[in-house]
N, C-alpha and C. Protein backbone atom coordinates (compact mmCIF):
# COMPACT_ATOMS: atom_id res chain seq x y z
N MET A 1 14.68 -17.76 -6.30
CA MET A 1 14.24 -16.35 -6.52
C MET A 1 12.79 -16.35 -6.69
N ILE A 2 12.07 -15.40 -6.05
CA ILE A 2 10.63 -15.31 -6.25
C ILE A 2 10.31 -14.58 -7.51
N GLY A 3 9.09 -14.74 -8.05
CA GLY A 3 8.68 -14.14 -9.27
C GLY A 3 8.17 -12.70 -8.99
N LYS A 4 8.02 -11.99 -10.09
CA LYS A 4 7.50 -10.55 -10.00
C LYS A 4 6.22 -10.48 -9.29
N ALA A 5 5.21 -11.35 -9.67
CA ALA A 5 3.95 -11.29 -9.06
C ALA A 5 3.97 -11.48 -7.56
N GLU A 6 4.79 -12.46 -7.15
CA GLU A 6 4.90 -12.77 -5.67
C GLU A 6 5.61 -11.63 -4.91
N ALA A 7 6.64 -11.04 -5.65
CA ALA A 7 7.36 -9.93 -5.01
C ALA A 7 6.39 -8.70 -4.83
N ARG A 8 5.66 -8.44 -5.85
CA ARG A 8 4.71 -7.31 -5.87
C ARG A 8 3.62 -7.52 -4.77
N SER A 9 3.20 -8.77 -4.62
CA SER A 9 2.24 -9.09 -3.54
C SER A 9 2.83 -8.81 -2.15
N LEU A 10 4.06 -9.25 -1.98
CA LEU A 10 4.77 -9.07 -0.67
C LEU A 10 4.88 -7.56 -0.40
N ILE A 11 5.33 -6.76 -1.46
CA ILE A 11 5.51 -5.36 -1.30
C ILE A 11 4.19 -4.67 -0.92
N ASP A 12 3.10 -5.06 -1.70
CA ASP A 12 1.81 -4.51 -1.38
C ASP A 12 1.28 -4.84 0.04
N ASP A 13 1.54 -6.06 0.46
CA ASP A 13 1.19 -6.38 1.81
C ASP A 13 1.84 -5.55 2.83
N VAL A 14 3.11 -5.27 2.65
CA VAL A 14 3.89 -4.39 3.61
C VAL A 14 3.27 -2.99 3.69
N PHE A 15 3.03 -2.45 2.42
CA PHE A 15 2.46 -1.08 2.37
C PHE A 15 1.07 -1.02 2.86
N ARG A 16 0.30 -2.09 2.68
CA ARG A 16 -1.04 -2.15 3.20
C ARG A 16 -1.02 -2.15 4.74
N GLU A 17 -0.13 -2.93 5.32
CA GLU A 17 0.01 -2.95 6.79
C GLU A 17 0.44 -1.51 7.31
N GLU A 18 1.36 -0.88 6.59
CA GLU A 18 1.75 0.43 7.02
C GLU A 18 0.59 1.42 6.98
N ALA A 19 -0.16 1.29 5.89
CA ALA A 19 -1.30 2.19 5.79
C ALA A 19 -2.32 2.02 6.87
N LEU A 20 -2.57 0.70 7.22
CA LEU A 20 -3.43 0.37 8.34
C LEU A 20 -2.94 0.93 9.63
N VAL A 21 -1.65 0.91 9.92
CA VAL A 21 -1.05 1.43 11.10
C VAL A 21 -1.33 2.98 11.14
N ILE A 22 -1.06 3.59 10.07
CA ILE A 22 -1.36 5.06 10.03
C ILE A 22 -2.82 5.34 10.28
N GLY A 23 -3.68 4.57 9.66
CA GLY A 23 -5.13 4.76 9.81
C GLY A 23 -5.54 4.56 11.25
N GLY A 24 -4.93 3.52 11.92
CA GLY A 24 -5.29 3.23 13.30
C GLY A 24 -4.81 4.38 14.24
N LEU A 25 -3.62 4.90 13.95
CA LEU A 25 -3.10 6.04 14.74
C LEU A 25 -3.96 7.27 14.53
N ALA A 26 -4.38 7.44 13.30
CA ALA A 26 -5.27 8.60 13.00
C ALA A 26 -6.59 8.51 13.73
N ALA A 27 -7.15 7.35 13.74
CA ALA A 27 -8.49 7.07 14.35
C ALA A 27 -8.40 7.14 15.88
N ASN A 28 -7.35 6.62 16.45
CA ASN A 28 -7.27 6.52 17.89
C ASN A 28 -6.63 7.67 18.60
N HIS A 29 -5.80 8.41 17.87
CA HIS A 29 -5.02 9.51 18.49
C HIS A 29 -5.29 10.92 17.85
N GLY A 30 -6.30 10.97 17.01
CA GLY A 30 -6.61 12.20 16.42
C GLY A 30 -5.45 12.96 15.69
N LEU A 31 -4.75 12.24 14.86
CA LEU A 31 -3.64 12.83 14.12
C LEU A 31 -4.21 13.90 13.19
N ASP A 32 -3.47 14.96 13.01
CA ASP A 32 -3.79 16.07 12.10
C ASP A 32 -4.05 15.51 10.72
N ASP A 33 -5.11 15.94 10.08
CA ASP A 33 -5.51 15.48 8.74
C ASP A 33 -4.43 15.65 7.67
N ASP A 34 -3.78 16.83 7.76
CA ASP A 34 -2.75 17.15 6.82
C ASP A 34 -1.57 16.16 7.00
N LEU A 35 -1.24 15.79 8.22
CA LEU A 35 -0.16 14.85 8.48
C LEU A 35 -0.44 13.51 7.89
N VAL A 36 -1.69 13.03 8.06
CA VAL A 36 -2.10 11.75 7.51
C VAL A 36 -1.96 11.74 6.00
N TRP A 37 -2.41 12.85 5.38
CA TRP A 37 -2.27 12.92 3.89
C TRP A 37 -0.83 12.92 3.46
N ARG A 38 -0.01 13.62 4.19
CA ARG A 38 1.42 13.68 3.79
C ARG A 38 2.06 12.29 3.99
N LEU A 39 1.70 11.64 5.04
CA LEU A 39 2.28 10.29 5.30
C LEU A 39 1.91 9.34 4.17
N VAL A 40 0.62 9.38 3.78
CA VAL A 40 0.18 8.48 2.74
C VAL A 40 0.76 8.81 1.37
N ARG A 41 0.89 10.07 1.09
CA ARG A 41 1.52 10.51 -0.22
C ARG A 41 2.97 9.99 -0.24
N ASN A 42 3.66 10.12 0.92
CA ASN A 42 5.05 9.59 0.99
C ASN A 42 5.05 8.04 0.79
N LEU A 43 4.11 7.34 1.38
CA LEU A 43 4.04 5.87 1.23
C LEU A 43 3.83 5.59 -0.26
N GLU A 44 2.91 6.32 -0.92
CA GLU A 44 2.67 6.06 -2.35
C GLU A 44 3.93 6.34 -3.19
N ALA A 45 4.62 7.34 -2.90
CA ALA A 45 5.85 7.62 -3.61
C ALA A 45 6.93 6.52 -3.39
N ILE A 46 7.10 6.13 -2.17
CA ILE A 46 8.03 4.99 -1.89
C ILE A 46 7.65 3.74 -2.56
N ARG A 47 6.40 3.41 -2.54
CA ARG A 47 5.85 2.23 -3.14
C ARG A 47 6.15 2.27 -4.69
N GLY A 48 5.86 3.45 -5.25
CA GLY A 48 6.09 3.62 -6.71
C GLY A 48 7.52 3.40 -7.11
N ARG A 49 8.46 3.97 -6.33
CA ARG A 49 9.85 3.72 -6.56
C ARG A 49 10.26 2.28 -6.48
N VAL A 50 9.76 1.61 -5.45
CA VAL A 50 10.05 0.14 -5.21
C VAL A 50 9.53 -0.67 -6.43
N LEU A 51 8.32 -0.41 -6.83
CA LEU A 51 7.69 -1.19 -7.88
C LEU A 51 8.38 -0.87 -9.28
N ARG A 52 8.84 0.34 -9.48
CA ARG A 52 9.64 0.61 -10.71
C ARG A 52 10.94 -0.17 -10.75
N ARG A 53 11.56 -0.31 -9.57
CA ARG A 53 12.83 -1.06 -9.39
C ARG A 53 12.48 -2.56 -9.74
N LEU A 54 11.39 -3.01 -9.25
CA LEU A 54 10.96 -4.35 -9.41
C LEU A 54 10.75 -4.64 -10.85
N ASP A 55 10.10 -3.72 -11.59
CA ASP A 55 9.81 -3.87 -13.00
C ASP A 55 11.14 -3.93 -13.81
N ASP A 56 12.16 -3.20 -13.34
CA ASP A 56 13.42 -3.18 -14.04
C ASP A 56 14.26 -4.40 -13.82
N GLU A 57 14.05 -5.05 -12.67
CA GLU A 57 15.00 -6.15 -12.28
C GLU A 57 14.43 -7.57 -12.40
N LEU A 58 13.10 -7.74 -12.38
CA LEU A 58 12.58 -9.12 -12.33
C LEU A 58 11.75 -9.38 -13.67
N PRO A 59 11.80 -10.59 -14.17
CA PRO A 59 10.99 -10.87 -15.36
C PRO A 59 9.52 -10.92 -15.04
N LEU A 60 8.74 -10.66 -16.12
CA LEU A 60 7.21 -10.58 -15.93
C LEU A 60 6.70 -12.02 -15.77
N GLU A 61 5.74 -12.14 -14.82
CA GLU A 61 5.07 -13.38 -14.55
C GLU A 61 3.59 -13.16 -14.47
N ASP A 62 2.82 -14.17 -14.05
CA ASP A 62 1.36 -14.03 -13.88
C ASP A 62 1.03 -12.89 -12.94
N THR A 63 -0.15 -12.29 -13.11
CA THR A 63 -0.60 -11.24 -12.19
C THR A 63 -0.98 -11.81 -10.84
N GLU A 64 -0.90 -11.01 -9.84
CA GLU A 64 -1.25 -11.39 -8.46
C GLU A 64 -2.75 -11.48 -8.31
N GLN A 65 -3.17 -12.30 -7.34
CA GLN A 65 -4.62 -12.34 -6.98
C GLN A 65 -4.86 -11.47 -5.85
N GLU A 66 -6.01 -10.74 -5.89
CA GLU A 66 -6.37 -9.91 -4.82
C GLU A 66 -6.85 -10.69 -3.64
N ARG A 67 -6.58 -10.16 -2.44
CA ARG A 67 -7.08 -10.75 -1.20
C ARG A 67 -8.16 -9.98 -0.65
N GLU A 68 -9.10 -10.61 0.09
CA GLU A 68 -10.17 -9.90 0.73
C GLU A 68 -9.64 -9.28 1.97
N HIS A 69 -10.19 -8.15 2.33
CA HIS A 69 -9.78 -7.34 3.49
C HIS A 69 -11.03 -7.05 4.29
N PRO A 70 -10.91 -7.05 5.66
CA PRO A 70 -12.08 -6.73 6.50
C PRO A 70 -12.53 -5.30 6.21
N SER A 71 -13.78 -5.08 6.43
CA SER A 71 -14.34 -3.79 6.19
C SER A 71 -14.05 -2.91 7.42
N VAL A 72 -13.41 -1.78 7.24
CA VAL A 72 -13.09 -0.85 8.27
C VAL A 72 -13.30 0.57 7.74
N ARG A 73 -13.32 1.60 8.54
CA ARG A 73 -13.49 2.97 8.11
C ARG A 73 -12.18 3.71 8.38
N PRO A 74 -11.15 3.53 7.58
CA PRO A 74 -9.90 4.25 7.84
C PRO A 74 -9.99 5.69 7.31
N HIS A 75 -8.99 6.46 7.61
CA HIS A 75 -8.85 7.82 7.10
C HIS A 75 -8.99 7.86 5.62
N PRO A 76 -9.61 8.88 4.99
CA PRO A 76 -9.77 8.94 3.52
C PRO A 76 -8.49 8.75 2.81
N ALA A 77 -7.37 9.27 3.30
CA ALA A 77 -6.07 9.10 2.62
C ALA A 77 -5.66 7.64 2.59
N VAL A 78 -5.83 6.92 3.69
CA VAL A 78 -5.54 5.53 3.82
C VAL A 78 -6.48 4.74 2.90
N SER A 79 -7.73 5.03 2.89
CA SER A 79 -8.72 4.36 2.01
C SER A 79 -8.26 4.46 0.57
N GLY A 80 -7.91 5.66 0.20
CA GLY A 80 -7.48 5.86 -1.22
C GLY A 80 -6.21 5.10 -1.54
N PHE A 81 -5.26 5.02 -0.64
CA PHE A 81 -4.06 4.26 -0.84
C PHE A 81 -4.34 2.76 -0.92
N LEU A 82 -5.20 2.25 -0.04
CA LEU A 82 -5.59 0.84 -0.12
C LEU A 82 -6.30 0.54 -1.37
N ARG A 83 -7.13 1.41 -1.83
CA ARG A 83 -7.87 1.23 -3.17
C ARG A 83 -6.93 1.11 -4.24
N CYS A 84 -5.89 1.96 -4.20
CA CYS A 84 -4.84 1.97 -5.27
C CYS A 84 -4.13 0.65 -5.21
N LEU A 85 -3.86 0.08 -4.11
CA LEU A 85 -3.16 -1.25 -4.02
C LEU A 85 -4.02 -2.32 -4.64
N ARG A 86 -5.32 -2.21 -4.40
CA ARG A 86 -6.23 -3.29 -4.94
C ARG A 86 -6.37 -3.18 -6.46
N GLU A 87 -6.33 -1.96 -6.98
CA GLU A 87 -6.56 -1.69 -8.35
C GLU A 87 -5.33 -1.98 -9.25
N ASP A 88 -4.16 -1.85 -8.63
CA ASP A 88 -2.97 -2.11 -9.44
C ASP A 88 -2.83 -3.49 -9.81
């Protein structure tokens, strides 16, 4: 069984990749700004539910280490979501 820190890191990696996909679509296909904000708010809500379940089910362990990410200019909603992942 993996620890809480490793599970959280894996969850954050998945949501980070999803945010980057949305950001790429927004940049390359001109997605409506409101749509991007809604998608990211939904991702944040889903991530929050998953992390609450994780807190309820796994014992506390060491905190995760942040990873460096390449510098890009994603949609502001995606940037905010990625910032939230790094700060948690």
